């Protein structure tokens, strides 16, 4: 999941699959930001629409979603704003879409670069517990899209959500 705030430059959050995990694991950083580029390609309309509003230099959390313990692993930065995903036109590519045309492309992507690992991995279970607590008692994570729109791979964050999660990395689990 990618989460980011549309109000401020550099806010965000994004769930990821093992393709990103092979680049780095929580607590390890083999990435060189000047070298690694990761393209986010989305095949779900609402997530795509969120992605289309991302701006260069905004930051986002990257989130390991397909692991034993899903959670926020690090921060990425938008390097190239939304553009056409050419794989939709390539019949040999697994992302080929016969219903998409060059005149009316359906699928887009952004380029991101690695910024840094979180100071600690923030597991989904911790975020869920805080979300439920904030939902009951009030707090910045009460409307966190990760739990209110859980099927989306790109989700916006408010400035308050972003700041709260950044503060979480400083606390022990």
C-alpha atoms as a PDB file:
ATOM      1  CA  UNK A   1       0.000   0.000   0.000  1.00  0.00           C
ATOM      2  CA  UNK A   2       1.258   3.441  -0.755  1.00  0.00           C
ATOM      3  CA  UNK A   3       0.004   6.210   1.411  1.00  0.00           C
ATOM      4  CA  UNK A   4       0.679   9.855   0.841  1.00  0.00           C
ATOM      5  CA  UNK A   5      -0.831  13.216   1.683  1.00  0.00           C
ATOM      6  CA  UNK A   6      -2.093  15.348  -1.169  1.00  0.00           C
ATOM      7  CA  UNK A   7      -1.743  18.525   0.909  1.00  0.00           C
ATOM      8  CA  UNK A   8       1.972  18.442   1.624  1.00  0.00           C
ATOM      9  CA  UNK A   9       4.918  17.578  -0.547  1.00  0.00           C
ATOM     10  CA  UNK A  10       6.280  14.295   0.656  1.00  0.00           C
ATOM     11  CA  UNK A  11       3.528  12.414   2.455  1.00  0.00           C
ATOM     12  CA  UNK A  12       2.389   8.868   1.757  1.00  0.00           C
ATOM     13  CA  UNK A  13       1.616   4.952   2.234  1.00  0.00           C
ATOM     14  CA  UNK A  14       1.756   1.791  -0.258  1.00  0.00           C
ATOM     15  CA  UNK A  15       1.302  -2.126   0.227  1.00  0.00           C
ATOM     16  CA  UNK A  16       3.931  -4.117  -1.611  1.00  0.00           C
ATOM     17  CA  UNK A  17       4.470  -7.696  -2.640  1.00  0.00           C
ATOM     18  CA  UNK A  18       7.631  -9.846  -2.485  1.00  0.00           C
ATOM     19  CA  UNK A  19       9.037  -8.144  -5.604  1.00  0.00           C
ATOM     20  CA  UNK A  20       9.996  -5.237  -3.379  1.00  0.00           C
ATOM     21  CA  UNK A  21      11.099  -7.495  -0.553  1.00  0.00           C
ATOM     22  CA  UNK A  22      13.837  -9.008  -2.671  1.00  0.00           C
ATOM     23  CA  UNK A  23      15.342  -5.514  -2.807  1.00  0.00           C
ATOM     24  CA  UNK A  24      15.447  -5.137   0.968  1.00  0.00           C
ATOM     25  CA  UNK A  25      14.196  -6.564   4.207  1.00  0.00           C
ATOM     26  CA  UNK A  26      13.323  -4.737   7.418  1.00  0.00           C
ATOM     27  CA  UNK A  27      16.538  -3.667   9.098  1.00  0.00           C
ATOM     28  CA  UNK A  28      18.644  -4.187   5.963  1.00  0.00           C
ATOM     29  CA  UNK A  29      19.400  -1.664   3.239  1.00  0.00           C
ATOM     30  CA  UNK A  30      21.126  -3.027   0.140  1.00  0.00           C
ATOM     31  CA  UNK A  31      19.499  -0.345  -2.046  1.00  0.00           C
ATOM     32  CA  UNK A  32      21.392   2.515  -3.600  1.00  0.00           C
ATOM     33  CA  UNK A  33      18.870   5.327  -4.116  1.00  0.00           C
ATOM     34  CA  UNK A  34      20.610   6.642  -7.232  1.00  0.00           C
ATOM     35  CA  UNK A  35      20.389   3.191  -8.853  1.00  0.00           C
ATOM     36  CA  UNK A  36      17.117   1.548  -7.801  1.00  0.00           C
ATOM     37  CA  UNK A  37      13.933   2.631  -9.474  1.00  0.00           C
ATOM     38  CA  UNK A  38      10.680   0.851  -8.761  1.00  0.00           C
ATOM     39  CA  UNK A  39       7.656   1.297 -10.952  1.00  0.00           C
ATOM     40  CA  UNK A  40       4.264   1.128  -9.315  1.00  0.00           C
ATOM     41  CA  UNK A  41       1.797  -0.298 -11.802  1.00  0.00           C
ATOM     42  CA  UNK A  42      -1.791  -0.513 -10.653  1.00  0.00           C
ATOM     43  CA  UNK A  43      -4.647  -2.483 -12.147  1.00  0.00           C
ATOM     44  CA  UNK A  44      -7.461  -1.174  -9.952  1.00  0.00           C
ATOM     45  CA  UNK A  45      -9.300   2.006 -10.940  1.00  0.00           C
ATOM     46  CA  UNK A  46      -9.591   3.800  -7.592  1.00  0.00           C
ATOM     47  CA  UNK A  47      -5.966   3.074  -6.634  1.00  0.00           C
ATOM     48  CA  UNK A  48      -4.911   4.205 -10.124  1.00  0.00           C
ATOM     49  CA  UNK A  49      -6.821   7.456  -9.662  1.00  0.00           C
ATOM     50  CA  UNK A  50      -5.048   8.087  -6.348  1.00  0.00           C
ATOM     51  CA  UNK A  51      -1.718   7.341  -8.018  1.00  0.00           C
ATOM     52  CA  UNK A  52      -2.500   9.790 -10.822  1.00  0.00           C
ATOM     53  CA  UNK A  53      -2.641  12.623  -8.285  1.00  0.00           C
ATOM     54  CA  UNK A  54       0.847  11.908  -6.890  1.00  0.00           C
ATOM     55  CA  UNK A  55       3.398  14.631  -7.502  1.00  0.00           C
ATOM     56  CA  UNK A  56       7.160  14.514  -7.961  1.00  0.00           C
ATOM     57  CA  UNK A  57       9.112  14.637  -4.679  1.00  0.00           C
ATOM     58  CA  UNK A  58       6.149  13.552  -2.542  1.00  0.00           C
ATOM     59  CA  UNK A  59       7.086  10.789  -0.168  1.00  0.00           C
ATOM     60  CA  UNK A  60       5.220   7.621   0.701  1.00  0.00           C
ATOM     61  CA  UNK A  61       5.553   4.683   3.042  1.00  0.00           C
ATOM     62  CA  UNK A  62       6.232   1.350   1.444  1.00  0.00           C
ATOM     63  CA  UNK A  63       4.458  -1.491   3.050  1.00  0.00           C
ATOM     64  CA  UNK A  64       5.262  -5.203   2.869  1.00  0.00           C
ATOM     65  CA  UNK A  65       1.861  -6.799   2.289  1.00  0.00           C
ATOM     66  CA  UNK A  66       2.655 -10.372   1.337  1.00  0.00           C
ATOM     67  CA  UNK A  67       4.694 -11.529   4.342  1.00  0.00           C
ATOM     68  CA  UNK A  68       4.065 -13.420   7.589  1.00  0.00           C
ATOM     69  CA  UNK A  69       3.978 -10.079   9.380  1.00  0.00           C
ATOM     70  CA  UNK A  70       2.817  -7.299   7.013  1.00  0.00           C
ATOM     71  CA  UNK A  71       3.842  -3.769   7.897  1.00  0.00           C
ATOM     72  CA  UNK A  72       5.564  -0.507   7.007  1.00  0.00           C
ATOM     73  CA  UNK A  73       9.189  -1.056   6.070  1.00  0.00           C
ATOM     74  CA  UNK A  74      10.421   2.255   4.690  1.00  0.00           C
ATOM     75  CA  UNK A  75       9.965   5.471   2.789  1.00  0.00           C
ATOM     76  CA  UNK A  76      10.016   6.054  -0.954  1.00  0.00           C
ATOM     77  CA  UNK A  77       9.818   9.225  -3.023  1.00  0.00           C
ATOM     78  CA  UNK A  78       7.898   9.891  -6.228  1.00  0.00           C
ATOM     79  CA  UNK A  79      10.500  10.481  -8.954  1.00  0.00           C
ATOM     80  CA  UNK A  80       8.309  10.574 -12.039  1.00  0.00           C
ATOM     81  CA  UNK A  81       4.653  11.499 -12.039  1.00  0.00           C
ATOM     82  CA  UNK A  82       2.013   9.286 -13.581  1.00  0.00           C
ATOM     83  CA  UNK A  83       2.598   8.113 -17.153  1.00  0.00           C
ATOM     84  CA  UNK A  84       1.280   5.419 -19.488  1.00  0.00           C
ATOM     85  CA  UNK A  85       2.161   1.814 -18.645  1.00  0.00           C
ATOM     86  CA  UNK A  86       3.397   0.447 -21.981  1.00  0.00           C
ATOM     87  CA  UNK A  87       3.179  -3.167 -20.786  1.00  0.00           C
ATOM     88  CA  UNK A  88      -0.600  -3.032 -21.334  1.00  0.00           C
ATOM     89  CA  UNK A  89       0.066  -3.072 -25.110  1.00  0.00           C
ATOM     90  CA  UNK A  90       2.650  -5.899 -25.138  1.00  0.00           C
ATOM     91  CA  UNK A  91       0.985  -9.261 -25.841  1.00  0.00           C
ATOM     92  CA  UNK A  92       3.985 -11.091 -24.344  1.00  0.00           C
ATOM     93  CA  UNK A  93       3.809  -9.217 -21.047  1.00  0.00           C
ATOM     94  CA  UNK A  94       1.752 -10.569 -18.105  1.00  0.00           C
ATOM     95  CA  UNK A  95       0.184  -7.088 -17.768  1.00  0.00           C
ATOM     96  CA  UNK A  96      -1.141  -7.090 -21.342  1.00  0.00           C
ATOM     97  CA  UNK A  97      -4.701  -5.771 -21.559  1.00  0.00           C
ATOM     98  CA  UNK A  98      -6.555  -6.443 -24.806  1.00  0.00           C
ATOM     99  CA  UNK A  99      -9.191  -3.852 -23.875  1.00  0.00           C
ATOM    100  CA  UNK A 100      -6.652  -1.043 -23.634  1.00  0.00           C
ATOM    101  CA  UNK A 101      -5.578   0.976 -26.676  1.00  0.00           C
ATOM    102  CA  UNK A 102      -2.934   3.583 -27.451  1.00  0.00           C
ATOM    103  CA  UNK A 103      -5.772   6.070 -28.005  1.00  0.00           C
ATOM    104  CA  UNK A 104      -7.387   5.281 -24.652  1.00  0.00           C
ATOM    105  CA  UNK A 105      -4.848   3.675 -22.315  1.00  0.00           C
ATOM    106  CA  UNK A 106      -6.314   2.253 -19.104  1.00  0.00           C
ATOM    107  CA  UNK A 107      -3.177   1.715 -17.035  1.00  0.00           C
ATOM    108  CA  UNK A 108      -0.562   4.110 -15.735  1.00  0.00           C
ATOM    109  CA  UNK A 109       2.432   4.066 -13.413  1.00  0.00           C
ATOM    110  CA  UNK A 110       4.748   6.265 -11.384  1.00  0.00           C
ATOM    111  CA  UNK A 111       8.462   5.843 -10.746  1.00  0.00           C
ATOM    112  CA  UNK A 112       9.698   5.930  -7.183  1.00  0.00           C
ATOM    113  CA  UNK A 113      13.075   5.772  -5.517  1.00  0.00           C
ATOM    114  CA  UNK A 114      14.102   4.401  -2.159  1.00  0.00           C
ATOM    115  CA  UNK A 115      14.640   7.056   0.534  1.00  0.00           C
ATOM    116  CA  UNK A 116      15.276   5.040   3.690  1.00  0.00           C
ATOM    117  CA  UNK A 117      14.229   2.103   5.828  1.00  0.00           C
ATOM    118  CA  UNK A 118      12.092   2.893   8.864  1.00  0.00           C
ATOM    119  CA  UNK A 119      14.010   2.998  12.147  1.00  0.00           C
ATOM    120  CA  UNK A 120      11.925  -0.041  13.024  1.00  0.00           C
ATOM    121  CA  UNK A 121       9.466  -2.177  11.116  1.00  0.00           C
ATOM    122  CA  UNK A 122       5.909  -1.117  12.015  1.00  0.00           C
ATOM    123  CA  UNK A 123       3.701  -4.229  11.819  1.00  0.00           C
ATOM    124  CA  UNK A 124       0.117  -4.239  10.600  1.00  0.00           C
ATOM    125  CA  UNK A 125      -1.007  -5.636  13.966  1.00  0.00           C
ATOM    126  CA  UNK A 126       0.334  -2.538  15.753  1.00  0.00           C
ATOM    127  CA  UNK A 127      -1.311  -0.185  13.259  1.00  0.00           C
ATOM    128  CA  UNK A 128      -4.605  -2.104  13.554  1.00  0.00           C
ATOM    129  CA  UNK A 129      -4.573  -1.904  17.374  1.00  0.00           C
ATOM    130  CA  UNK A 130      -3.869   1.841  17.219  1.00  0.00           C
ATOM    131  CA  UNK A 131      -6.565   2.348  14.572  1.00  0.00           C
ATOM    132  CA  UNK A 132      -9.164   0.611  16.784  1.00  0.00           C
ATOM    133  CA  UNK A 133      -8.052   2.589  19.846  1.00  0.00           C
ATOM    134  CA  UNK A 134      -8.189   5.879  17.915  1.00  0.00           C
ATOM    135  CA  UNK A 135     -11.561   4.953  16.403  1.00  0.00           C
ATOM    136  CA  UNK A 136     -12.963   4.521  19.913  1.00  0.00           C
ATOM    137  CA  UNK A 137     -11.147   7.327  21.749  1.00  0.00           C
ATOM    138  CA  UNK A 138     -10.240   9.686  18.927  1.00  0.00           C
ATOM    139  CA  UNK A 139      -6.798   9.986  17.428  1.00  0.00           C
ATOM    140  CA  UNK A 140      -4.949  10.502  14.164  1.00  0.00           C
ATOM    141  CA  UNK A 141      -5.341   6.918  12.890  1.00  0.00           C
ATOM    142  CA  UNK A 142      -9.118   6.665  13.396  1.00  0.00           C
ATOM    143  CA  UNK A 143      -9.818   6.953   9.646  1.00  0.00           C
ATOM    144  CA  UNK A 144      -6.638   5.323   8.330  1.00  0.00           C
ATOM    145  CA  UNK A 145      -7.390   4.171   4.763  1.00  0.00           C
ATOM    146  CA  UNK A 146      -5.388   0.996   5.326  1.00  0.00           C
ATOM    147  CA  UNK A 147      -8.357  -0.241   7.384  1.00  0.00           C
ATOM    148  CA  UNK A 148     -11.219   1.709   5.832  1.00  0.00           C
ATOM    149  CA  UNK A 149     -10.242   0.990   2.188  1.00  0.00           C
ATOM    150  CA  UNK A 150      -8.101  -2.094   2.760  1.00  0.00           C
ATOM    151  CA  UNK A 151      -8.210  -3.483  -0.795  1.00  0.00           C
ATOM    152  CA  UNK A 152      -6.484  -0.479  -2.379  1.00  0.00           C
ATOM    153  CA  UNK A 153      -2.780  -0.619  -3.099  1.00  0.00           C
ATOM    154  CA  UNK A 154      -2.379   3.170  -3.107  1.00  0.00           C
ATOM    155  CA  UNK A 155      -4.083   5.179  -0.418  1.00  0.00           C
ATOM    156  CA  UNK A 156      -3.855   8.790   0.669  1.00  0.00           C
ATOM    157  CA  UNK A 157      -2.764   9.769   4.179  1.00  0.00           C
ATOM    158  CA  UNK A 158      -3.530  12.912   6.098  1.00  0.00           C
ATOM    159  CA  UNK A 159      -0.688  14.989   7.469  1.00  0.00           C
ATOM    160  CA  UNK A 160      -1.681  13.831  10.970  1.00  0.00           C
ATOM    161  CA  UNK A 161      -1.537  10.143   9.977  1.00  0.00           C
ATOM    162  CA  UNK A 162       1.866  10.580   8.318  1.00  0.00           C
ATOM    163  CA  UNK A 163       3.345  12.434  11.309  1.00  0.00           C
ATOM    164  CA  UNK A 164       1.942   9.928  13.803  1.00  0.00           C
ATOM    165  CA  UNK A 165       3.426   6.970  11.914  1.00  0.00           C
ATOM    166  CA  UNK A 166       6.797   8.742  11.645  1.00  0.00           C
ATOM    167  CA  UNK A 167       6.709   9.202  15.443  1.00  0.00           C
ATOM    168  CA  UNK A 168       5.820   5.501  15.883  1.00  0.00           C
ATOM    169  CA  UNK A 169       9.143   4.441  14.377  1.00  0.00           C
ATOM    170  CA  UNK A 170      10.933   6.103  17.324  1.00  0.00           C
ATOM    171  CA  UNK A 171       9.042   4.007  19.903  1.00  0.00           C
ATOM    172  CA  UNK A 172       9.774   0.418  20.755  1.00  0.00           C
ATOM    173  CA  UNK A 173       7.067  -2.048  19.744  1.00  0.00           C
END
